[in-house]
Amino acid sequence: MQFNDREHAARMLAARLVPAYGTSCPLVLAIPRGAVPMARILADALGGDCDVVLVRKLGAPLQPELAIGAVDEAGRVFVNDFARQTGADDAYLAEQTKRELARIRERRRRYTGGRRPDVAGRTVIVVDDGLATGATMIAALSALRPQRPARLVCAVPVAPPDTLATVSRYADEVVCLEAPPAFQAVGQFYRDFPQVDDDEVVAILNPPSPGAR
């Protein structure tokens, strides 16, 4: 299956999620940036709230798009089992973690002005536009679990089966529309897969108040 774009994928996810969570006022948290427009669509469909969970992938040496791990906002690091095979030693991981933490802090300031969502006691749905290695999703779920959500759900349009099996250990439920065994990259499952920029994220997360002119 191929999705037309992120909006199409989000509406299909919403159709799957509404029967179970449409009356629970869930908190829908996007992994920026691509998932932020999707999270807004899901939150509106579910009658919930939209925000972000900030994690950053750690890219492999000479292959920055390959996630060998991820770091969360508190500085906790998840490292994939194969990371060492890519040439990532302790010094490399420490340098990458420091750099990505600085980016997380800047995003928190820019996206929400420092505001952080309160997840305790709520149904929390973490959304991304797709999973490859699953490192960032695992880091996001691991960061949220200690904050005691009532239920922690991972929702994605597409992911490889082995990644889903791994991620399922960190969530109470995983909702995935497609799990093709022949998986190369998330973008191959979208006809239109443009970049989402920071200005769009800020506009989605900070809508004008009712009556604002």
Protein backbone atom coordinates (compact mmCIF):
# COMPACT_ATOMS: atom_id res chain seq x y z
CA MET A 1 0.00 0.00 0.00
CA GLN A 2 1.11 3.54 -0.74
CA PHE A 3 -0.33 6.61 1.01
CA ASN A 4 -1.07 9.74 -0.98
CA ASP A 5 0.55 11.93 1.69
CA ARG A 6 0.73 12.34 5.46
CA GLU A 7 -2.83 13.67 5.65
CA HIS A 8 -4.13 10.53 3.93
CA ALA A 9 -2.14 8.32 6.31
CA ALA A 10 -3.35 10.27 9.36
CA ARG A 11 -6.99 9.96 8.37
CA MET A 12 -6.59 6.23 7.90
CA LEU A 13 -4.97 5.97 11.32
CA ALA A 14 -7.79 8.03 12.81
CA ALA A 15 -10.35 5.57 11.44
CA ARG A 16 -8.52 2.78 13.30
CA LEU A 17 -8.14 4.72 16.53
CA VAL A 18 -11.54 6.40 16.92
CA PRO A 19 -13.48 3.26 17.98
CA ALA A 20 -11.11 2.62 20.89
CA TYR A 21 -10.04 6.12 21.89
CA GLY A 22 -12.61 8.54 20.49
CA THR A 23 -14.18 9.20 23.90
CA SER A 24 -11.03 9.24 26.05
CA CYS A 25 -9.74 12.75 25.17
CA PRO A 26 -6.26 11.38 24.43
CA LEU A 27 -3.05 13.33 24.30
CA VAL A 28 -1.56 12.86 20.83
CA LEU A 29 2.19 13.43 20.80
CA ALA A 30 4.10 13.77 17.55
CA ILE A 31 7.74 12.98 16.95
CA PRO A 32 8.81 16.11 15.00
CA ARG A 33 8.78 17.19 12.43
CA GLY A 34 6.95 15.08 9.87
CA ALA A 35 4.43 13.65 12.30
CA VAL A 36 3.23 16.99 13.67
CA PRO A 37 0.58 17.64 10.95
CA MET A 38 -0.56 14.04 11.41
CA ALA A 39 -0.90 14.48 15.18
CA ARG A 40 -3.13 17.51 14.70
CA ILE A 41 -5.45 15.53 12.41
CA LEU A 42 -5.57 12.65 14.89
CA ALA A 43 -6.18 14.91 17.89
CA ASP A 44 -9.04 16.67 16.11
CA ALA A 45 -10.60 13.34 15.06
CA LEU A 46 -10.28 11.91 18.57
CA GLY A 47 -11.34 15.03 20.44
CA GLY A 48 -7.96 15.17 22.15
CA ASP A 49 -4.95 17.43 22.53
CA CYS A 50 -1.90 17.75 20.28
CA ASP A 51 1.70 18.28 21.37
CA VAL A 52 5.18 16.89 20.76
CA VAL A 53 7.54 14.44 22.41
CA LEU A 54 11.09 15.51 21.68
CA VAL A 55 13.62 12.85 20.81
CA ARG A 56 16.42 12.85 18.27
CA LYS A 57 17.96 9.99 16.41
CA LEU A 58 21.68 9.29 16.57
CA GLY A 59 22.92 8.73 13.05
CA ALA A 60 25.57 6.21 12.08
CA PRO A 61 29.09 7.30 11.11
CA LEU A 62 29.11 8.14 7.38
CA GLN A 63 25.39 7.20 7.23
CA PRO A 64 23.60 9.97 9.17
CA GLU A 65 20.15 8.84 7.98
CA LEU A 66 20.61 5.40 9.56
CA ALA A 67 19.40 5.57 13.16
CA ILE A 68 21.72 3.63 15.43
CA GLY A 69 20.00 5.00 18.50
CA ALA A 70 18.17 8.01 19.92
CA VAL A 71 18.26 10.41 22.84
CA ASP A 72 15.31 11.82 24.76
CA GLU A 73 14.78 15.21 26.34
CA ALA A 74 16.18 14.06 29.70
CA GLY A 75 19.39 12.85 28.06
CA ARG A 76 18.56 9.13 28.25
CA VAL A 77 20.07 7.25 25.32
CA PHE A 78 18.74 4.17 23.53
CA VAL A 79 21.29 2.41 21.31
CA ASN A 80 20.40 -0.26 18.76
CA ASP A 81 22.15 -3.61 18.99
CA PHE A 82 23.90 -3.10 15.66
CA ALA A 83 25.36 0.31 16.49
CA ARG A 84 28.90 -0.92 17.08
CA GLN A 85 28.93 -2.63 13.71
CA THR A 86 28.63 0.78 12.02
CA GLY A 87 31.80 2.04 13.71
CA ALA A 88 30.05 4.00 16.48
CA ASP A 89 32.26 3.87 19.57
CA ASP A 90 31.65 5.48 22.98
CA ALA A 91 33.28 8.77 21.99
CA TYR A 92 31.19 9.01 18.82
CA LEU A 93 27.96 8.28 20.69
CA ALA A 94 28.81 10.86 23.39
CA GLU A 95 29.49 13.55 20.78
CA GLN A 96 26.32 12.76 18.86
CA THR A 97 24.26 12.75 22.06
CA LYS A 98 25.58 16.16 23.12
CA ARG A 99 24.81 17.65 19.70
CA GLU A 100 21.29 16.23 19.48
CA LEU A 101 20.43 17.26 23.04
CA ALA A 102 21.26 20.84 22.11
CA ARG A 103 18.86 20.54 19.16
CA ILE A 104 16.14 19.12 21.41
CA ARG A 105 16.45 22.07 23.80
CA GLU A 106 16.29 24.54 20.95
CA ARG A 107 13.19 22.82 19.55
CA ARG A 108 11.47 22.91 22.94
CA ARG A 109 12.11 26.61 23.19
CA ARG A 110 11.02 27.33 19.63
CA TYR A 111 8.06 24.97 19.36
CA THR A 112 6.36 25.44 22.73
CA GLY A 113 8.18 28.23 24.55
CA GLY A 114 9.34 25.67 27.10
CA ARG A 115 5.88 24.23 27.78
CA ARG A 116 5.79 20.47 28.30
CA PRO A 117 2.68 18.28 28.18
CA ASP A 118 1.39 16.61 31.34
CA VAL A 119 0.88 12.95 30.48
CA ALA A 120 0.09 11.51 33.92
CA GLY A 121 -3.16 9.57 33.98
CA ARG A 122 -3.95 10.19 30.32
CA THR A 123 -4.20 7.98 27.28
CA VAL A 124 -1.14 9.01 25.27
CA ILE A 125 -0.83 8.23 21.57
CA VAL A 126 2.65 8.70 20.10
CA VAL A 127 2.57 9.14 16.33
CA ASP A 128 5.24 9.15 13.66
CA ASP A 129 4.94 9.06 9.87
CA GLY A 130 6.63 5.67 9.82
CA LEU A 131 9.27 3.57 11.55
CA ALA A 132 12.50 2.17 10.15
CA THR A 133 14.77 0.98 12.98
CA GLY A 134 12.29 2.24 15.60
CA ALA A 135 15.00 3.95 17.67
CA THR A 136 13.25 7.32 18.02
CA MET A 137 9.89 5.73 18.83
CA ILE A 138 11.47 3.52 21.49
CA ALA A 139 13.21 6.54 23.00
CA ALA A 140 9.91 8.47 23.01
CA LEU A 141 7.92 5.65 24.63
CA SER A 142 10.68 5.04 27.18
CA ALA A 143 10.73 8.74 28.09
CA LEU A 144 6.96 8.84 28.59
CA ARG A 145 6.46 5.63 30.58
CA PRO A 146 7.94 6.97 33.86
CA GLN A 147 5.48 9.89 33.66
CA ARG A 148 2.66 7.37 34.31
CA PRO A 149 0.28 7.65 31.38
CA ALA A 150 -2.89 5.61 31.81
CA ARG A 151 -2.22 3.95 28.45
CA LEU A 152 0.66 4.36 26.03
CA VAL A 153 -0.06 3.75 22.36
CA CYS A 154 2.26 3.82 19.34
CA ALA A 155 0.47 4.76 16.10
CA VAL A 156 2.21 4.69 12.73
CA PRO A 157 1.14 4.14 9.12
CA VAL A 158 3.99 1.81 8.17
CA ALA A 159 6.90 -0.12 9.68
CA PRO A 160 8.82 -3.34 9.03
CA PRO A 161 7.58 -6.37 11.00
CA ASP A 162 10.77 -6.85 13.04
CA THR A 163 10.70 -3.22 14.15
CA LEU A 164 7.07 -3.53 15.23
CA ALA A 165 7.92 -6.59 17.28
CA THR A 166 10.65 -4.64 19.10
CA VAL A 167 8.59 -1.48 19.62
CA SER A 168 5.64 -3.47 20.98
CA ARG A 169 7.67 -4.21 24.12
CA TYR A 170 7.59 -0.51 25.02
CA ALA A 171 3.91 0.31 24.36
CA ASP A 172 0.60 -0.96 25.69
CA GLU A 173 -0.63 -1.13 22.09
CA VAL A 174 0.86 -0.63 18.64
CA VAL A 175 -1.42 0.44 15.80
CA CYS A 176 0.20 0.10 12.38
CA LEU A 177 -1.63 0.13 9.05
CA GLU A 178 0.99 -1.67 6.97
CA ALA A 179 3.94 -3.91 7.89
CA PRO A 180 5.58 -4.86 4.57
CA PRO A 181 8.52 -7.30 4.74
CA ALA A 182 10.20 -5.52 1.80
CA PHE A 183 11.08 -2.27 3.55
CA GLN A 184 13.79 0.18 2.54
CA ALA A 185 12.66 3.60 3.77
CA VAL A 186 9.53 5.27 5.10
CA GLY A 187 9.31 7.62 2.13
CA GLN A 188 8.83 4.77 -0.36
CA PHE A 189 5.30 4.27 1.00
CA TYR A 190 4.17 7.85 0.25
CA ARG A 191 3.44 9.36 -3.15
CA ASP A 192 4.03 12.85 -1.74
CA PHE A 193 6.45 13.08 1.20
CA PRO A 194 7.64 16.69 1.56
CA GLN A 195 9.71 18.05 4.41
CA VAL A 196 7.82 19.74 7.25
CA ASP A 197 9.60 22.89 8.39
CA ASP A 198 9.86 24.50 11.81
CA ASP A 199 7.45 27.31 10.98
CA GLU A 200 4.72 24.81 10.14
CA VAL A 201 5.33 22.95 13.39
CA VAL A 202 5.13 26.17 15.42
CA ALA A 203 1.87 27.18 13.69
CA ILE A 204 0.27 23.79 14.39
CA LEU A 205 1.31 23.68 18.03
CA ASN A 206 0.38 27.30 18.76
CA PRO A 207 -2.93 28.01 17.00
CA PRO A 208 -4.45 31.47 17.49
CA SER A 209 -6.86 31.66 20.40
CA PRO A 210 -10.57 31.92 19.57
CA GLY A 211 -11.46 35.47 18.68
CA ALA A 212 -7.85 36.47 18.00
CA ARG A 213 -7.45 38.86 15.10
